Amino acid sequence: MDIKDWLIDIALVGMVLLQLRGRRLTAKTLLLPVALAAWAATKYLHEIPTSGNDLFLIVATTLIGLALGAGAGLLTRVYHNDAGEVIARATATAAVLWVVGCGFRMAFQLFATQGGDEAIGRFSTDYHLDPTAWAPAILLMALAEVIARTAIVAWRAREALLGSSDRGRLGVQ
């Protein structure tokens, strides 16, 4: 792991932890995690191996990412304040789900680069995996988690805005 990898992982965790207090949602705050994950994908995702059990590994990790991201998105409170701004406030459970995903990826990267490569190689051989399938699997997990959470929070923000405009038309606060 180089410094950029650490910074991206820390930034992704930090973005959700900042939302524990509640944070105004903007296009920037919604799209920054997607941009970070997309940048990492363009840097590291060159091909998706599908031989042996590689496709199973990739689908499984992607689905885990989707589940963690969807859970984090659904468990984030999205509402509008009195000024009409849309606020996202991550619940503790949403933050835990997000940190579990990011933490797993960080731990795996650390393990793989700090002596665990032989164990990963043995596991890969035992389960008919190409050792190069792990990087795309982990990256697709991250992309799925980020996109799922962002899409759900954006949809809920839209619903909060539509709900506030309906209340404004009806004269309800």
C-alpha atoms as a PDB file:
ATOM      1  CA  MET A   1       0.000   0.000   0.000  1.00  0.00           C
ATOM      2  CA  ASP A   2       1.346   3.374  -0.903  1.00  0.00           C
ATOM      3  CA  ILE A   3       0.411   6.687   0.692  1.00  0.00           C
ATOM      4  CA  LYS A   4      -2.339   7.322  -1.891  1.00  0.00           C
ATOM      5  CA  ASP A   5      -4.044   4.038  -0.949  1.00  0.00           C
ATOM      6  CA  TRP A   6      -3.958   4.968   2.725  1.00  0.00           C
ATOM      7  CA  LEU A   7      -5.280   8.449   2.032  1.00  0.00           C
ATOM      8  CA  ILE A   8      -8.182   7.156  -0.069  1.00  0.00           C
ATOM      9  CA  ASP A   9      -9.152   4.583   2.570  1.00  0.00           C
ATOM     10  CA  ILE A  10      -8.896   7.124   5.376  1.00  0.00           C
ATOM     11  CA  ALA A  11     -10.853   9.712   3.352  1.00  0.00           C
ATOM     12  CA  LEU A  12     -13.670   7.232   2.679  1.00  0.00           C
ATOM     13  CA  VAL A  13     -13.929   6.360   6.377  1.00  0.00           C
ATOM     14  CA  GLY A  14     -13.647  10.014   7.366  1.00  0.00           C
ATOM     15  CA  MET A  15     -16.478  11.099   5.081  1.00  0.00           C
ATOM     16  CA  VAL A  16     -18.958   8.867   6.839  1.00  0.00           C
ATOM     17  CA  LEU A  17     -17.606   9.570  10.314  1.00  0.00           C
ATOM     18  CA  LEU A  18     -18.089  13.288   9.639  1.00  0.00           C
ATOM     19  CA  GLN A  19     -21.728  12.548   8.947  1.00  0.00           C
ATOM     20  CA  LEU A  20     -22.253  11.250  12.486  1.00  0.00           C
ATOM     21  CA  ARG A  21     -22.800  14.905  13.427  1.00  0.00           C
ATOM     22  CA  GLY A  22     -24.917  15.597  10.385  1.00  0.00           C
ATOM     23  CA  ARG A  23     -23.676  17.308   7.270  1.00  0.00           C
ATOM     24  CA  ARG A  24     -25.276  19.312   4.497  1.00  0.00           C
ATOM     25  CA  LEU A  25     -25.569  17.248   1.347  1.00  0.00           C
ATOM     26  CA  THR A  26     -24.295  18.770  -1.856  1.00  0.00           C
ATOM     27  CA  ALA A  27     -23.348  17.316  -5.206  1.00  0.00           C
ATOM     28  CA  LYS A  28     -19.721  17.477  -4.024  1.00  0.00           C
ATOM     29  CA  THR A  29     -20.308  15.593  -0.772  1.00  0.00           C
ATOM     30  CA  LEU A  30     -22.287  12.946  -2.637  1.00  0.00           C
ATOM     31  CA  LEU A  31     -19.906  12.508  -5.561  1.00  0.00           C
ATOM     32  CA  LEU A  32     -16.511  12.776  -3.841  1.00  0.00           C
ATOM     33  CA  PRO A  33     -16.564   9.176  -2.532  1.00  0.00           C
ATOM     34  CA  VAL A  34     -17.596   7.960  -5.990  1.00  0.00           C
ATOM     35  CA  ALA A  35     -14.763   9.948  -7.573  1.00  0.00           C
ATOM     36  CA  LEU A  36     -12.224   8.500  -5.126  1.00  0.00           C
ATOM     37  CA  ALA A  37     -13.398   4.944  -5.734  1.00  0.00           C
ATOM     38  CA  ALA A  38     -13.495   5.496  -9.503  1.00  0.00           C
ATOM     39  CA  TRP A  39      -9.958   6.911  -9.439  1.00  0.00           C
ATOM     40  CA  ALA A  40      -8.733   3.832  -7.562  1.00  0.00           C
ATOM     41  CA  ALA A  41     -10.522   1.591 -10.056  1.00  0.00           C
ATOM     42  CA  THR A  42      -8.888   3.302 -13.025  1.00  0.00           C
ATOM     43  CA  LYS A  43      -5.515   2.997 -11.349  1.00  0.00           C
ATOM     44  CA  TYR A  44      -5.753  -0.644 -10.276  1.00  0.00           C
ATOM     45  CA  LEU A  45      -8.591  -2.367 -12.150  1.00  0.00           C
ATOM     46  CA  HIS A  46      -7.166  -3.524 -15.447  1.00  0.00           C
ATOM     47  CA  GLU A  47      -9.088  -6.734 -16.022  1.00  0.00           C
ATOM     48  CA  ILE A  48     -11.553  -8.983 -14.242  1.00  0.00           C
ATOM     49  CA  PRO A  49     -10.384 -12.602 -14.179  1.00  0.00           C
ATOM     50  CA  THR A  50     -13.182 -15.153 -14.616  1.00  0.00           C
ATOM     51  CA  SER A  51     -11.438 -18.538 -14.672  1.00  0.00           C
ATOM     52  CA  GLY A  52     -11.760 -21.141 -11.919  1.00  0.00           C
ATOM     53  CA  ASN A  53     -13.603 -19.658  -8.981  1.00  0.00           C
ATOM     54  CA  ASP A  54     -12.485 -16.098  -9.742  1.00  0.00           C
ATOM     55  CA  LEU A  55     -15.908 -14.991 -10.908  1.00  0.00           C
ATOM     56  CA  PHE A  56     -17.481 -16.399  -7.726  1.00  0.00           C
ATOM     57  CA  LEU A  57     -14.985 -14.418  -5.613  1.00  0.00           C
ATOM     58  CA  ILE A  58     -15.657 -11.233  -7.571  1.00  0.00           C
ATOM     59  CA  VAL A  59     -19.439 -11.600  -7.454  1.00  0.00           C
ATOM     60  CA  ALA A  60     -19.376 -12.461  -3.737  1.00  0.00           C
ATOM     61  CA  THR A  61     -17.209  -9.493  -2.761  1.00  0.00           C
ATOM     62  CA  THR A  62     -19.245  -7.162  -4.989  1.00  0.00           C
ATOM     63  CA  LEU A  63     -22.474  -8.348  -3.359  1.00  0.00           C
ATOM     64  CA  ILE A  64     -20.938  -7.862   0.089  1.00  0.00           C
ATOM     65  CA  GLY A  65     -20.007  -4.317  -0.937  1.00  0.00           C
ATOM     66  CA  LEU A  66     -23.536  -3.705  -2.212  1.00  0.00           C
ATOM     67  CA  ALA A  67     -25.031  -4.994   1.044  1.00  0.00           C
ATOM     68  CA  LEU A  68     -22.727  -2.890   3.230  1.00  0.00           C
ATOM     69  CA  GLY A  69     -23.288   0.226   1.106  1.00  0.00           C
ATOM     70  CA  ALA A  70     -27.054  -0.260   0.935  1.00  0.00           C
ATOM     71  CA  GLY A  71     -27.194  -0.827   4.687  1.00  0.00           C
ATOM     72  CA  ALA A  72     -25.124   2.287   5.349  1.00  0.00           C
ATOM     73  CA  GLY A  73     -27.317   4.307   2.976  1.00  0.00           C
ATOM     74  CA  LEU A  74     -30.589   3.076   4.436  1.00  0.00           C
ATOM     75  CA  LEU A  75     -29.379   3.645   7.996  1.00  0.00           C
ATOM     76  CA  THR A  76     -28.285   7.218   7.295  1.00  0.00           C
ATOM     77  CA  ARG A  77     -30.889   9.777   8.312  1.00  0.00           C
ATOM     78  CA  VAL A  78     -31.636  12.180   5.466  1.00  0.00           C
ATOM     79  CA  TYR A  79     -33.834  15.186   6.172  1.00  0.00           C
ATOM     80  CA  HIS A  80     -34.136  18.877   5.456  1.00  0.00           C
ATOM     81  CA  ASN A  81     -33.515  21.518   8.078  1.00  0.00           C
ATOM     82  CA  ASP A  82     -35.404  24.765   8.637  1.00  0.00           C
ATOM     83  CA  ALA A  83     -33.207  26.512   6.054  1.00  0.00           C
ATOM     84  CA  GLY A  84     -34.315  23.973   3.435  1.00  0.00           C
ATOM     85  CA  GLU A  85     -30.903  22.297   3.254  1.00  0.00           C
ATOM     86  CA  VAL A  86     -30.754  18.543   2.979  1.00  0.00           C
ATOM     87  CA  ILE A  87     -28.786  17.022   5.834  1.00  0.00           C
ATOM     88  CA  ALA A  88     -27.353  13.515   6.018  1.00  0.00           C
ATOM     89  CA  ARG A  89     -26.615  12.120   9.439  1.00  0.00           C
ATOM     90  CA  ALA A  90     -25.122   8.668   9.655  1.00  0.00           C
ATOM     91  CA  THR A  91     -26.399   6.551  12.499  1.00  0.00           C
ATOM     92  CA  ALA A  92     -23.870   4.607  14.539  1.00  0.00           C
ATOM     93  CA  THR A  93     -24.938   1.411  12.765  1.00  0.00           C
ATOM     94  CA  ALA A  94     -24.497   3.016   9.333  1.00  0.00           C
ATOM     95  CA  ALA A  95     -20.999   4.134  10.306  1.00  0.00           C
ATOM     96  CA  VAL A  96     -20.145   0.665  11.612  1.00  0.00           C
ATOM     97  CA  LEU A  97     -21.227  -0.935   8.331  1.00  0.00           C
ATOM     98  CA  TRP A  98     -19.156   1.551   6.353  1.00  0.00           C
ATOM     99  CA  VAL A  99     -16.093   1.112   8.581  1.00  0.00           C
ATOM    100  CA  VAL A 100     -16.416  -2.693   8.411  1.00  0.00           C
ATOM    101  CA  GLY A 101     -16.178  -2.556   4.614  1.00  0.00           C
ATOM    102  CA  CYS A 102     -13.337  -0.045   4.496  1.00  0.00           C
ATOM    103  CA  GLY A 103     -11.582  -1.691   7.441  1.00  0.00           C
ATOM    104  CA  PHE A 104     -11.731  -5.121   5.832  1.00  0.00           C
ATOM    105  CA  ARG A 105     -10.182  -3.763   2.651  1.00  0.00           C
ATOM    106  CA  MET A 106      -7.457  -1.931   4.556  1.00  0.00           C
ATOM    107  CA  ALA A 107      -6.696  -5.017   6.641  1.00  0.00           C
ATOM    108  CA  PHE A 108      -6.576  -7.233   3.555  1.00  0.00           C
ATOM    109  CA  GLN A 109      -4.245  -4.815   1.753  1.00  0.00           C
ATOM    110  CA  LEU A 110      -1.997  -4.637   4.804  1.00  0.00           C
ATOM    111  CA  PHE A 111      -1.976  -8.417   5.197  1.00  0.00           C
ATOM    112  CA  ALA A 112      -1.233  -8.950   1.497  1.00  0.00           C
ATOM    113  CA  THR A 113       1.655  -6.474   1.473  1.00  0.00           C
ATOM    114  CA  GLN A 114       3.146  -7.288   4.870  1.00  0.00           C
ATOM    115  CA  GLY A 115       3.855 -11.004   4.583  1.00  0.00           C
ATOM    116  CA  GLY A 116       0.442 -12.540   4.008  1.00  0.00           C
ATOM    117  CA  ASP A 117       0.978 -13.025   0.292  1.00  0.00           C
ATOM    118  CA  GLU A 118       2.043 -16.662   0.762  1.00  0.00           C
ATOM    119  CA  ALA A 119      -1.095 -17.474   2.756  1.00  0.00           C
ATOM    120  CA  ILE A 120      -3.250 -15.765   0.140  1.00  0.00           C
ATOM    121  CA  GLY A 121      -1.416 -17.745  -2.544  1.00  0.00           C
ATOM    122  CA  ARG A 122      -2.051 -21.059  -0.743  1.00  0.00           C
ATOM    123  CA  PHE A 123      -5.715 -20.189  -0.205  1.00  0.00           C
ATOM    124  CA  SER A 124      -6.016 -19.188  -3.854  1.00  0.00           C
ATOM    125  CA  THR A 125      -4.463 -22.472  -5.006  1.00  0.00           C
ATOM    126  CA  ASP A 126      -6.638 -24.545  -2.668  1.00  0.00           C
ATOM    127  CA  TYR A 127      -9.815 -22.849  -3.926  1.00  0.00           C
ATOM    128  CA  HIS A 128      -8.863 -22.546  -7.606  1.00  0.00           C
ATOM    129  CA  LEU A 129      -8.472 -18.781  -7.583  1.00  0.00           C
ATOM    130  CA  ASP A 130      -6.024 -16.757  -9.607  1.00  0.00           C
ATOM    131  CA  PRO A 131      -4.102 -14.736  -6.987  1.00  0.00           C
ATOM    132  CA  THR A 132      -4.519 -11.696  -9.250  1.00  0.00           C
ATOM    133  CA  ALA A 133      -8.321 -11.922  -8.796  1.00  0.00           C
ATOM    134  CA  TRP A 134      -8.117 -10.474  -5.275  1.00  0.00           C
ATOM    135  CA  ALA A 135      -7.328  -6.901  -6.317  1.00  0.00           C
ATOM    136  CA  PRO A 136     -10.304  -6.578  -8.704  1.00  0.00           C
ATOM    137  CA  ALA A 137     -12.547  -8.307  -6.162  1.00  0.00           C
ATOM    138  CA  ILE A 138     -11.588  -5.840  -3.418  1.00  0.00           C
ATOM    139  CA  LEU A 139     -11.880  -2.866  -5.779  1.00  0.00           C
ATOM    140  CA  LEU A 140     -15.294  -3.927  -7.047  1.00  0.00           C
ATOM    141  CA  MET A 141     -16.399  -4.416  -3.443  1.00  0.00           C
ATOM    142  CA  ALA A 142     -15.363  -0.819  -2.695  1.00  0.00           C
ATOM    143  CA  LEU A 143     -17.047   0.537  -5.820  1.00  0.00           C
ATOM    144  CA  ALA A 144     -20.250  -1.338  -5.060  1.00  0.00           C
ATOM    145  CA  GLU A 145     -20.261  -0.102  -1.461  1.00  0.00           C
ATOM    146  CA  VAL A 146     -19.667   3.518  -2.443  1.00  0.00           C
ATOM    147  CA  ILE A 147     -22.140   3.532  -5.333  1.00  0.00           C
ATOM    148  CA  ALA A 148     -24.886   1.767  -3.341  1.00  0.00           C
ATOM    149  CA  ARG A 149     -24.585   4.139  -0.383  1.00  0.00           C
ATOM    150  CA  THR A 150     -24.358   7.222  -2.602  1.00  0.00           C
ATOM    151  CA  ALA A 151     -27.327   6.195  -4.739  1.00  0.00           C
ATOM    152  CA  ILE A 152     -29.522   5.506  -1.715  1.00  0.00           C
ATOM    153  CA  VAL A 153     -28.552   8.700   0.105  1.00  0.00           C
ATOM    154  CA  ALA A 154     -29.064  10.728  -3.111  1.00  0.00           C
ATOM    155  CA  TRP A 155     -32.471   9.155  -3.669  1.00  0.00           C
ATOM    156  CA  ARG A 156     -33.446   9.839  -0.057  1.00  0.00           C
ATOM    157  CA  ALA A 157     -32.182  13.442  -0.385  1.00  0.00           C
ATOM    158  CA  ARG A 158     -34.373  13.877  -3.444  1.00  0.00           C
ATOM    159  CA  GLU A 159     -37.334  12.492  -1.506  1.00  0.00           C
ATOM    160  CA  ALA A 160     -36.599  14.877   1.383  1.00  0.00           C
ATOM    161  CA  LEU A 161     -36.511  17.825  -1.019  1.00  0.00           C
ATOM    162  CA  LEU A 162     -39.739  16.767  -2.720  1.00  0.00           C
ATOM    163  CA  GLY A 163     -41.345  16.294   0.671  1.00  0.00           C
ATOM    164  CA  SER A 164     -40.263  19.766   1.810  1.00  0.00           C
ATOM    165  CA  SER A 165     -41.630  21.403  -1.350  1.00  0.00           C
ATOM    166  CA  ASP A 166     -44.957  19.632  -0.822  1.00  0.00           C
ATOM    167  CA  ARG A 167     -45.108  20.885   2.761  1.00  0.00           C
ATOM    168  CA  GLY A 168     -44.220  24.422   1.575  1.00  0.00           C
ATOM    169  CA  ARG A 169     -47.083  24.392  -0.944  1.00  0.00           C
ATOM    170  CA  LEU A 170     -49.457  23.179   1.734  1.00  0.00           C
ATOM    171  CA  GLY A 171     -48.267  25.787   4.246  1.00  0.00           C
ATOM    172  CA  VAL A 172     -47.013  23.087   6.628  1.00  0.00           C
ATOM    173  CA  GLN A 173     -43.668  23.368   8.406  1.00  0.00           C
END
